[in-house]
Amino acid sequence: MNHLKEIDLKQFGIIIDRFKDIKGPLIPILHEAENLYGYIPIEIQNLISQKLKISNAEINGVASFYTMFHTEPTGKYQIGICTGTTCHLNGSSKLLKHLEQSLDIKEGETTSDGQFTIIPVKCIGNCDVGPNITVDGRVHNNMNIKKLDKIIEDLSKR
């Protein structure tokens, strides 16, 4: 993903045109925007609305329903702490609180340097090896604060 790439409405209009005659074009178009910009800018949502003749509310409803879509710029690295019941019982709430304090942001926010975003994660599905986190979609099991700090430290050096 290319975060904070300049928005080119003409170029993205061509992308929309490739999909607009297929059944259910919205999700593939949103994937294209997410892949190109790292999120779905409001300008792109407006263009989709115009070209597909659907409301911005419908576009935003779909974009906000699926966790793989973002309507605000995200950090270079996206970190999610599973808050499902089993992970919560195994300490994920302590991990989330520690991560928020370490990065000085709350879940759903991005650090001021654009490096990290804490994304909400309701359940990863690896309950037997929780607590779990994701880093850019890659799952890390049996997480603890020491391992989490090491991951953040390693990512900060990149």
N, C-alpha and C. Protein backbone atom coordinates (compact mmCIF):
# COMPACT_ATOMS: atom_id res chain seq x y z
N MET A 1 0.82 -1.18 0.00
CA MET A 1 0.00 0.00 0.00
C MET A 1 0.86 1.24 0.00
N ASN A 2 0.43 2.21 -0.74
CA ASN A 2 1.16 3.45 -0.82
C ASN A 2 0.41 4.52 -0.04
N HIS A 3 0.75 4.70 1.22
CA HIS A 3 0.05 5.64 2.08
C HIS A 3 0.35 7.08 1.68
N LEU A 4 -0.68 7.90 1.72
CA LEU A 4 -0.62 9.32 1.44
C LEU A 4 -0.14 9.63 0.02
N LYS A 5 -0.50 8.76 -0.90
CA LYS A 5 -0.22 8.98 -2.31
C LYS A 5 -1.18 10.06 -2.81
N GLU A 6 -0.72 10.88 -3.74
CA GLU A 6 -1.56 11.93 -4.30
C GLU A 6 -2.78 11.31 -4.99
N ILE A 7 -3.94 11.91 -4.73
CA ILE A 7 -5.19 11.39 -5.27
C ILE A 7 -5.35 11.88 -6.71
N ASP A 8 -5.51 10.93 -7.62
CA ASP A 8 -5.68 11.23 -9.04
C ASP A 8 -7.07 10.76 -9.46
N LEU A 9 -8.02 11.69 -9.51
CA LEU A 9 -9.41 11.33 -9.82
C LEU A 9 -9.57 10.80 -11.24
N LYS A 10 -8.81 11.34 -12.17
CA LYS A 10 -8.90 10.86 -13.55
C LYS A 10 -8.45 9.40 -13.63
N GLN A 11 -7.31 9.10 -13.01
CA GLN A 11 -6.79 7.73 -13.01
C GLN A 11 -7.78 6.80 -12.32
N PHE A 12 -8.35 7.23 -11.20
CA PHE A 12 -9.25 6.34 -10.48
C PHE A 12 -10.58 6.19 -11.23
N GLY A 13 -10.98 7.21 -11.96
CA GLY A 13 -12.17 7.10 -12.80
C GLY A 13 -12.05 5.98 -13.81
N ILE A 14 -10.86 5.81 -14.35
CA ILE A 14 -10.60 4.72 -15.30
C ILE A 14 -10.74 3.38 -14.60
N ILE A 15 -10.27 3.29 -13.36
CA ILE A 15 -10.40 2.06 -12.57
C ILE A 15 -11.87 1.74 -12.34
N ILE A 16 -12.64 2.74 -11.95
CA ILE A 16 -14.07 2.53 -11.72
C ILE A 16 -14.74 2.03 -12.99
N ASP A 17 -14.40 2.63 -14.12
CA ASP A 17 -15.00 2.24 -15.40
C ASP A 17 -14.75 0.77 -15.72
N ARG A 18 -13.62 0.23 -15.28
CA ARG A 18 -13.31 -1.19 -15.53
C ARG A 18 -14.28 -2.10 -14.79
N PHE A 19 -14.83 -1.64 -13.67
CA PHE A 19 -15.68 -2.47 -12.82
C PHE A 19 -17.17 -2.17 -12.91
N LYS A 20 -17.55 -1.03 -13.45
CA LYS A 20 -18.93 -0.59 -13.28
C LYS A 20 -19.96 -1.44 -14.01
N ASP A 21 -19.57 -2.26 -14.97
CA ASP A 21 -20.53 -3.12 -15.65
C ASP A 21 -20.60 -4.53 -15.09
N ILE A 22 -19.85 -4.81 -14.02
CA ILE A 22 -19.93 -6.13 -13.39
C ILE A 22 -20.96 -6.07 -12.26
N LYS A 23 -21.47 -7.22 -11.89
CA LYS A 23 -22.42 -7.29 -10.79
C LYS A 23 -21.68 -7.04 -9.47
N GLY A 24 -22.21 -6.14 -8.64
CA GLY A 24 -21.59 -5.85 -7.35
C GLY A 24 -20.22 -5.23 -7.45
N PRO A 25 -20.09 -4.10 -8.14
CA PRO A 25 -18.76 -3.52 -8.36
C PRO A 25 -18.16 -2.79 -7.16
N LEU A 26 -18.97 -2.45 -6.16
CA LEU A 26 -18.49 -1.57 -5.10
C LEU A 26 -17.31 -2.15 -4.33
N ILE A 27 -17.41 -3.36 -3.85
CA ILE A 27 -16.32 -3.92 -3.03
C ILE A 27 -15.02 -4.04 -3.83
N PRO A 28 -15.03 -4.54 -5.07
CA PRO A 28 -13.77 -4.56 -5.82
C PRO A 28 -13.18 -3.16 -6.03
N ILE A 29 -14.04 -2.18 -6.24
CA ILE A 29 -13.56 -0.80 -6.42
C ILE A 29 -12.95 -0.28 -5.12
N LEU A 30 -13.60 -0.57 -4.00
CA LEU A 30 -13.05 -0.14 -2.71
C LEU A 30 -11.70 -0.82 -2.43
N HIS A 31 -11.57 -2.08 -2.82
CA HIS A 31 -10.27 -2.76 -2.70
C HIS A 31 -9.20 -2.05 -3.52
N GLU A 32 -9.56 -1.65 -4.72
CA GLU A 32 -8.61 -0.92 -5.58
C GLU A 32 -8.16 0.38 -4.90
N ALA A 33 -9.12 1.11 -4.33
CA ALA A 33 -8.78 2.36 -3.65
C ALA A 33 -7.87 2.10 -2.45
N GLU A 34 -8.23 1.09 -1.67
CA GLU A 34 -7.44 0.74 -0.47
C GLU A 34 -6.02 0.35 -0.88
N ASN A 35 -5.90 -0.44 -1.94
CA ASN A 35 -4.57 -0.86 -2.40
C ASN A 35 -3.75 0.30 -2.94
N LEU A 36 -4.41 1.22 -3.61
CA LEU A 36 -3.71 2.34 -4.24
C LEU A 36 -3.32 3.42 -3.23
N TYR A 37 -4.24 3.76 -2.33
CA TYR A 37 -4.01 4.89 -1.42
C TYR A 37 -3.75 4.50 0.04
N GLY A 38 -4.03 3.25 0.39
CA GLY A 38 -3.88 2.83 1.79
C GLY A 38 -5.11 3.13 2.62
N TYR A 39 -6.09 3.77 2.02
CA TYR A 39 -7.39 4.06 2.63
C TYR A 39 -8.31 4.51 1.50
N ILE A 40 -9.56 4.85 1.83
CA ILE A 40 -10.51 5.26 0.80
C ILE A 40 -10.83 6.74 1.03
N PRO A 41 -10.10 7.62 0.35
CA PRO A 41 -10.30 9.06 0.55
C PRO A 41 -11.73 9.50 0.18
N ILE A 42 -12.21 10.54 0.83
CA ILE A 42 -13.55 11.05 0.58
C ILE A 42 -13.71 11.47 -0.89
N GLU A 43 -12.65 11.98 -1.49
CA GLU A 43 -12.72 12.37 -2.90
C GLU A 43 -13.00 11.15 -3.78
N ILE A 44 -12.42 10.02 -3.43
CA ILE A 44 -12.65 8.78 -4.17
C ILE A 44 -14.06 8.28 -3.91
N GLN A 45 -14.52 8.38 -2.67
CA GLN A 45 -15.90 7.99 -2.36
C GLN A 45 -16.89 8.82 -3.17
N ASN A 46 -16.64 10.13 -3.28
CA ASN A 46 -17.51 11.01 -4.07
C ASN A 46 -17.52 10.61 -5.54
N LEU A 47 -16.34 10.28 -6.06
CA LEU A 47 -16.24 9.87 -7.46
C LEU A 47 -17.00 8.56 -7.69
N ILE A 48 -16.83 7.61 -6.79
CA ILE A 48 -17.56 6.33 -6.89
C ILE A 48 -19.07 6.60 -6.88
N SER A 49 -19.50 7.48 -5.99
CA SER A 49 -20.91 7.83 -5.88
C SER A 49 -21.44 8.37 -7.20
N GLN A 50 -20.69 9.28 -7.80
CA GLN A 50 -21.11 9.88 -9.07
C GLN A 50 -21.16 8.84 -10.19
N LYS A 51 -20.09 8.06 -10.30
CA LYS A 51 -19.99 7.13 -11.44
C LYS A 51 -20.93 5.94 -11.32
N LEU A 52 -21.15 5.45 -10.09
CA LEU A 52 -22.03 4.29 -9.92
C LEU A 52 -23.47 4.69 -9.59
N LYS A 53 -23.66 5.98 -9.36
CA LYS A 53 -24.98 6.51 -9.01
C LYS A 53 -25.55 5.83 -7.76
N ILE A 54 -24.70 5.79 -6.73
CA ILE A 54 -25.12 5.30 -5.41
C ILE A 54 -24.76 6.37 -4.40
N SER A 55 -25.39 6.33 -3.25
CA SER A 55 -25.17 7.37 -2.25
C SER A 55 -23.84 7.19 -1.52
N ASN A 56 -23.33 8.30 -1.02
CA ASN A 56 -22.13 8.24 -0.19
C ASN A 56 -22.40 7.43 1.08
N ALA A 57 -23.65 7.48 1.57
CA ALA A 57 -24.01 6.72 2.77
C ALA A 57 -23.84 5.23 2.52
N GLU A 58 -24.23 4.76 1.34
CA GLU A 58 -24.07 3.34 1.01
C GLU A 58 -22.59 2.97 0.92
N ILE A 59 -21.82 3.83 0.28
CA ILE A 59 -20.38 3.57 0.15
C ILE A 59 -19.73 3.54 1.53
N ASN A 60 -20.04 4.53 2.35
CA ASN A 60 -19.45 4.58 3.69
C ASN A 60 -19.93 3.42 4.55
N GLY A 61 -21.18 3.01 4.37
CA GLY A 61 -21.70 1.87 5.11
C GLY A 61 -20.92 0.60 4.82
N VAL A 62 -20.62 0.37 3.54
CA VAL A 62 -19.84 -0.81 3.15
C VAL A 62 -18.40 -0.66 3.64
N ALA A 63 -17.81 0.52 3.42
CA ALA A 63 -16.41 0.74 3.81
C ALA A 63 -16.22 0.62 5.31
N SER A 64 -17.20 1.06 6.10
CA SER A 64 -17.03 1.00 7.55
C SER A 64 -17.41 -0.36 8.13
N PHE A 65 -18.17 -1.16 7.38
CA PHE A 65 -18.57 -2.49 7.85
C PHE A 65 -17.39 -3.46 7.83
N TYR A 66 -16.61 -3.43 6.76
CA TYR A 66 -15.51 -4.38 6.60
C TYR A 66 -14.22 -3.81 7.21
N THR A 67 -13.57 -4.60 8.03
CA THR A 67 -12.38 -4.12 8.74
C THR A 67 -11.17 -3.92 7.83
N MET A 68 -11.21 -4.46 6.60
CA MET A 68 -10.06 -4.29 5.71
C MET A 68 -10.09 -2.95 4.99
N PHE A 69 -11.18 -2.20 5.16
CA PHE A 69 -11.28 -0.88 4.54
C PHE A 69 -11.10 0.20 5.59
N HIS A 70 -10.46 1.29 5.19
CA HIS A 70 -10.24 2.43 6.08
C HIS A 70 -10.64 3.70 5.35
N THR A 71 -11.32 4.59 6.05
CA THR A 71 -11.74 5.84 5.42
C THR A 71 -10.86 7.01 5.86
N GLU A 72 -9.88 6.73 6.67
CA GLU A 72 -8.88 7.71 7.08
C GLU A 72 -7.51 7.12 6.81
N PRO A 73 -6.50 7.97 6.57
CA PRO A 73 -5.15 7.43 6.36
C PRO A 73 -4.72 6.59 7.56
N THR A 74 -4.03 5.52 7.27
CA THR A 74 -3.53 4.64 8.33
C THR A 74 -2.02 4.69 8.36
N GLY A 75 -1.47 4.17 9.42
CA GLY A 75 -0.03 4.15 9.57
C GLY A 75 0.64 3.15 8.65
N LYS A 76 1.92 3.28 8.57
CA LYS A 76 2.72 2.35 7.77
C LYS A 76 2.51 0.92 8.26
N TYR A 77 2.37 0.76 9.57
CA TYR A 77 2.15 -0.54 10.19
C TYR A 77 0.82 -0.52 10.92
N GLN A 78 0.01 -1.54 10.68
CA GLN A 78 -1.28 -1.66 11.34
C GLN A 78 -1.24 -2.80 12.34
N ILE A 79 -1.50 -2.45 13.59
CA ILE A 79 -1.41 -3.43 14.66
C ILE A 79 -2.78 -3.59 15.28
N GLY A 80 -3.22 -4.83 15.39
CA GLY A 80 -4.49 -5.12 16.02
C GLY A 80 -4.31 -6.05 17.20
N ILE A 81 -4.99 -5.73 18.28
CA ILE A 81 -5.00 -6.60 19.46
C ILE A 81 -6.37 -7.27 19.49
N CYS A 82 -6.42 -8.59 19.46
CA CYS A 82 -7.69 -9.30 19.49
C CYS A 82 -8.39 -9.02 20.81
N THR A 83 -9.66 -8.60 20.72
CA THR A 83 -10.45 -8.33 21.92
C THR A 83 -11.58 -9.34 22.09
N GLY A 84 -11.48 -10.47 21.38
CA GLY A 84 -12.45 -11.54 21.55
C GLY A 84 -12.41 -12.07 22.97
N THR A 85 -13.42 -12.79 23.37
CA THR A 85 -13.58 -13.23 24.76
C THR A 85 -12.37 -13.99 25.27
N THR A 86 -11.91 -15.00 24.54
CA THR A 86 -10.79 -15.82 25.02
C THR A 86 -9.51 -15.00 25.12
N CYS A 87 -9.21 -14.20 24.11
CA CYS A 87 -8.01 -13.36 24.18
C CYS A 87 -8.12 -12.36 25.32
N HIS A 88 -9.31 -11.81 25.50
CA HIS A 88 -9.52 -10.87 26.61
C HIS A 88 -9.24 -11.55 27.95
N LEU A 89 -9.76 -12.76 28.12
CA LEU A 89 -9.53 -13.51 29.36
C LEU A 89 -8.06 -13.86 29.55
N ASN A 90 -7.32 -13.95 28.44
CA ASN A 90 -5.88 -14.26 28.50
C ASN A 90 -4.99 -13.03 28.52
N GLY A 91 -5.58 -11.83 28.66
CA GLY A 91 -4.78 -10.64 28.88
C GLY A 91 -4.67 -9.65 27.73
N SER A 92 -5.50 -9.80 26.71
CA SER A 92 -5.36 -8.88 25.57
C SER A 92 -5.69 -7.44 25.94
N SER A 93 -6.57 -7.24 26.93
CA SER A 93 -6.90 -5.87 27.32
C SER A 93 -5.68 -5.17 27.92
N LYS A 94 -4.83 -5.92 28.63
CA LYS A 94 -3.58 -5.35 29.15
C LYS A 94 -2.63 -5.01 28.01
N LEU A 95 -2.60 -5.89 26.99
CA LEU A 95 -1.75 -5.62 25.82
C LEU A 95 -2.22 -4.36 25.09
N LEU A 96 -3.54 -4.24 24.92
CA LEU A 96 -4.07 -3.06 24.24
C LEU A 96 -3.75 -1.79 25.01
N LYS A 97 -3.97 -1.82 26.32
CA LYS A 97 -3.67 -0.65 27.15
C LYS A 97 -2.18 -0.30 27.07
N HIS A 98 -1.33 -1.31 27.12
CA HIS A 98 0.12 -1.09 27.03
C HIS A 98 0.50 -0.49 25.68
N LEU A 99 -0.08 -1.03 24.60
CA LEU A 99 0.22 -0.52 23.26
C LEU A 99 -0.24 0.92 23.13
N GLU A 100 -1.45 1.23 23.62
CA GLU A 100 -1.95 2.60 23.56
C GLU A 100 -1.04 3.56 24.32
N GLN A 101 -0.55 3.13 25.48
CA GLN A 101 0.36 3.98 26.27
C GLN A 101 1.72 4.11 25.58
N SER A 102 2.22 3.02 25.04
CA SER A 102 3.53 3.04 24.38
C SER A 102 3.54 3.94 23.16
N LEU A 103 2.46 3.89 22.37
CA LEU A 103 2.39 4.66 21.14
C LEU A 103 1.72 6.01 21.33
N ASP A 104 1.14 6.24 22.49
CA ASP A 104 0.44 7.48 22.83
C ASP A 104 -0.73 7.76 21.87
N ILE A 105 -1.47 6.69 21.55
CA ILE A 105 -2.68 6.79 20.74
C ILE A 105 -3.70 5.80 21.29
N LYS A 106 -4.94 5.95 20.86
CA LYS A 106 -6.01 5.01 21.22
C LYS A 106 -6.29 4.10 20.02
N GLU A 107 -6.99 3.01 20.29
CA GLU A 107 -7.41 2.11 19.23
C GLU A 107 -8.16 2.90 18.16
N GLY A 108 -7.81 2.67 16.90
CA GLY A 108 -8.42 3.39 15.79
C GLY A 108 -7.64 4.62 15.37
N GLU A 109 -6.62 4.99 16.14
CA GLU A 109 -5.84 6.19 15.84
C GLU A 109 -4.48 5.82 15.23
N THR A 110 -3.84 6.83 14.66
CA THR A 110 -2.53 6.68 14.03
C THR A 110 -1.54 7.60 14.72
N THR A 111 -0.32 7.13 14.92
CA THR A 111 0.70 7.96 15.55
C THR A 111 0.98 9.18 14.69
N SER A 112 1.42 10.26 15.32
CA SER A 112 1.64 11.52 14.61
C SER A 112 2.71 11.39 13.53
N ASP A 113 3.63 10.43 13.65
CA ASP A 113 4.66 10.23 12.64
C ASP A 113 4.19 9.33 11.49
N GLY A 114 2.94 8.87 11.58
CA GLY A 114 2.39 8.04 10.52
C GLY A 114 2.92 6.62 10.49
N GLN A 115 3.58 6.19 11.54
CA GLN A 115 4.17 4.85 11.56
C GLN A 115 3.17 3.75 11.94
N PHE A 116 2.35 4.00 12.97
CA PHE A 116 1.51 2.94 13.52
C PHE A 116 0.05 3.35 13.62
N THR A 117 -0.83 2.40 13.33
CA THR A 117 -2.25 2.53 13.59
C THR A 117 -2.67 1.32 14.40
N ILE A 118 -3.42 1.55 15.47
CA ILE A 118 -4.01 0.44 16.22
C ILE A 118 -5.39 0.21 15.63
N ILE A 119 -5.57 -0.96 15.04
CA ILE A 119 -6.85 -1.27 14.41
C ILE A 119 -7.69 -2.16 15.32
N PRO A 120 -9.00 -1.97 15.32
CA PRO A 120 -9.87 -2.84 16.12
C PRO A 120 -9.90 -4.25 15.53
N VAL A 121 -9.77 -5.25 16.38
CA VAL A 121 -9.86 -6.65 15.96
C VAL A 121 -10.74 -7.37 16.97
N LYS A 122 -11.86 -7.88 16.52
CA LYS A 122 -12.82 -8.51 17.43
C LYS A 122 -12.50 -9.98 17.69
N CYS A 123 -12.06 -10.70 16.71
CA CYS A 123 -11.68 -12.10 16.91
C CYS A 123 -10.83 -12.55 15.74
N ILE A 124 -9.73 -13.18 16.04
CA ILE A 124 -8.82 -13.67 15.00
C ILE A 124 -9.12 -15.14 14.68
N GLY A 125 -9.66 -15.85 15.67
CA GLY A 125 -10.02 -17.25 15.46
C GLY A 125 -8.95 -18.24 15.89
N ASN A 126 -7.93 -17.77 16.57
CA ASN A 126 -6.88 -18.65 17.11
C ASN A 126 -6.96 -18.68 18.62
N CYS A 127 -8.15 -18.90 19.13
CA CYS A 127 -8.42 -18.75 20.56
C CYS A 127 -7.53 -19.63 21.44
N ASP A 128 -7.16 -20.79 20.94
CA ASP A 128 -6.36 -21.71 21.76
C ASP A 128 -4.93 -21.24 21.98
N VAL A 129 -4.48 -20.25 21.23
CA VAL A 129 -3.10 -19.76 21.38
C VAL A 129 -3.09 -18.25 21.65
N GLY A 130 -4.14 -17.76 22.27
CA GLY A 130 -4.25 -16.34 22.58
C GLY A 130 -3.50 -15.97 23.84
N PRO A 131 -3.30 -14.69 24.05
CA PRO A 131 -3.84 -13.62 23.24
C PRO A 131 -3.08 -13.46 21.93
N ASN A 132 -3.83 -12.98 20.93
CA ASN A 132 -3.29 -12.84 19.58
C ASN A 132 -3.27 -11.37 19.18
N ILE A 133 -2.31 -11.06 18.32
CA ILE A 133 -2.29 -9.74 17.69
C ILE A 133 -2.08 -9.94 16.19
N THR A 134 -2.37 -8.90 15.44
CA THR A 134 -2.03 -8.89 14.02
C THR A 134 -1.11 -7.72 13.76
N VAL A 135 -0.18 -7.92 12.88
CA VAL A 135 0.69 -6.85 12.38
C VAL A 135 0.59 -6.91 10.87
N ASP A 136 -0.04 -5.89 10.30
CA ASP A 136 -0.30 -5.85 8.86
C ASP A 136 -0.96 -7.15 8.38
N GLY A 137 -1.91 -7.64 9.18
CA GLY A 137 -2.67 -8.83 8.81
C GLY A 137 -2.02 -10.14 9.18
N ARG A 138 -0.78 -10.13 9.59
CA ARG A 138 -0.08 -11.36 9.98
C ARG A 138 -0.32 -11.62 11.46
N VAL A 139 -0.74 -12.82 11.81
CA VAL A 139 -1.12 -13.16 13.17
C VAL A 139 0.11 -13.57 13.99
N HIS A 140 0.15 -13.07 15.22
CA HIS A 140 1.17 -13.45 16.20
C HIS A 140 0.43 -13.99 17.42
N ASN A 141 0.79 -15.21 17.83
CA ASN A 141 0.09 -15.90 18.92
C ASN A 141 0.84 -15.81 20.24
N ASN A 142 0.14 -16.21 21.30
CA ASN A 142 0.74 -16.27 22.65
C ASN A 142 1.47 -14.98 22.99
N MET A 143 0.84 -13.87 22.71
CA MET A 143 1.48 -12.58 22.86
C MET A 143 1.57 -12.17 24.32
N ASN A 144 2.66 -11.46 24.62
CA ASN A 144 2.82 -10.84 25.94
C ASN A 144 3.46 -9.47 25.72
N ILE A 145 3.57 -8.70 26.78
CA ILE A 145 4.07 -7.33 26.65
C ILE A 145 5.50 -7.30 26.13
N LYS A 146 6.34 -8.21 26.60
CA LYS A 146 7.74 -8.25 26.15
C LYS A 146 7.81 -8.50 24.63
N LYS A 147 7.04 -9.47 24.14
CA LYS A 147 7.03 -9.76 22.69
C LYS A 147 6.48 -8.58 21.90
N LEU A 148 5.42 -7.96 22.45
CA LEU A 148 4.82 -6.81 21.78
C LEU A 148 5.81 -5.66 21.67
N ASP A 149 6.51 -5.37 22.76
CA ASP A 149 7.53 -4.31 22.74
C ASP A 149 8.62 -4.60 21.71
N LYS A 150 9.02 -5.85 21.60
CA LYS A 150 10.06 -6.24 20.63
C LYS A 150 9.57 -6.02 19.20
N ILE A 151 8.31 -6.36 18.93
CA ILE A 151 7.75 -6.14 17.60
C ILE A 151 7.74 -4.66 17.26
N ILE A 152 7.29 -3.83 18.20
CA ILE A 152 7.25 -2.37 17.98
C ILE A 152 8.65 -1.84 17.76
N GLU A 153 9.59 -2.30 18.56
CA GLU A 153 10.98 -1.85 18.42
C GLU A 153 11.54 -2.22 17.04
N ASP A 154 11.30 -3.46 16.61
CA ASP A 154 11.80 -3.90 15.30
C ASP A 154 11.16 -3.12 14.16
N LEU A 155 9.87 -2.87 14.25
CA LEU A 155 9.19 -2.10 13.20
C LEU A 155 9.67 -0.65 13.18
N SER A 156 9.96 -0.10 14.33
CA SER A 156 10.44 1.28 14.41
C SER A 156 11.79 1.48 13.75
N LYS A 157 12.57 0.43 13.65
CA LYS A 157 13.90 0.50 13.04
C LYS A 157 13.86 0.42 11.51
N ARG A 158 12.72 0.01 10.97
CA ARG A 158 12.61 -0.16 9.50
C ARG A 158 12.47 1.17 8.82
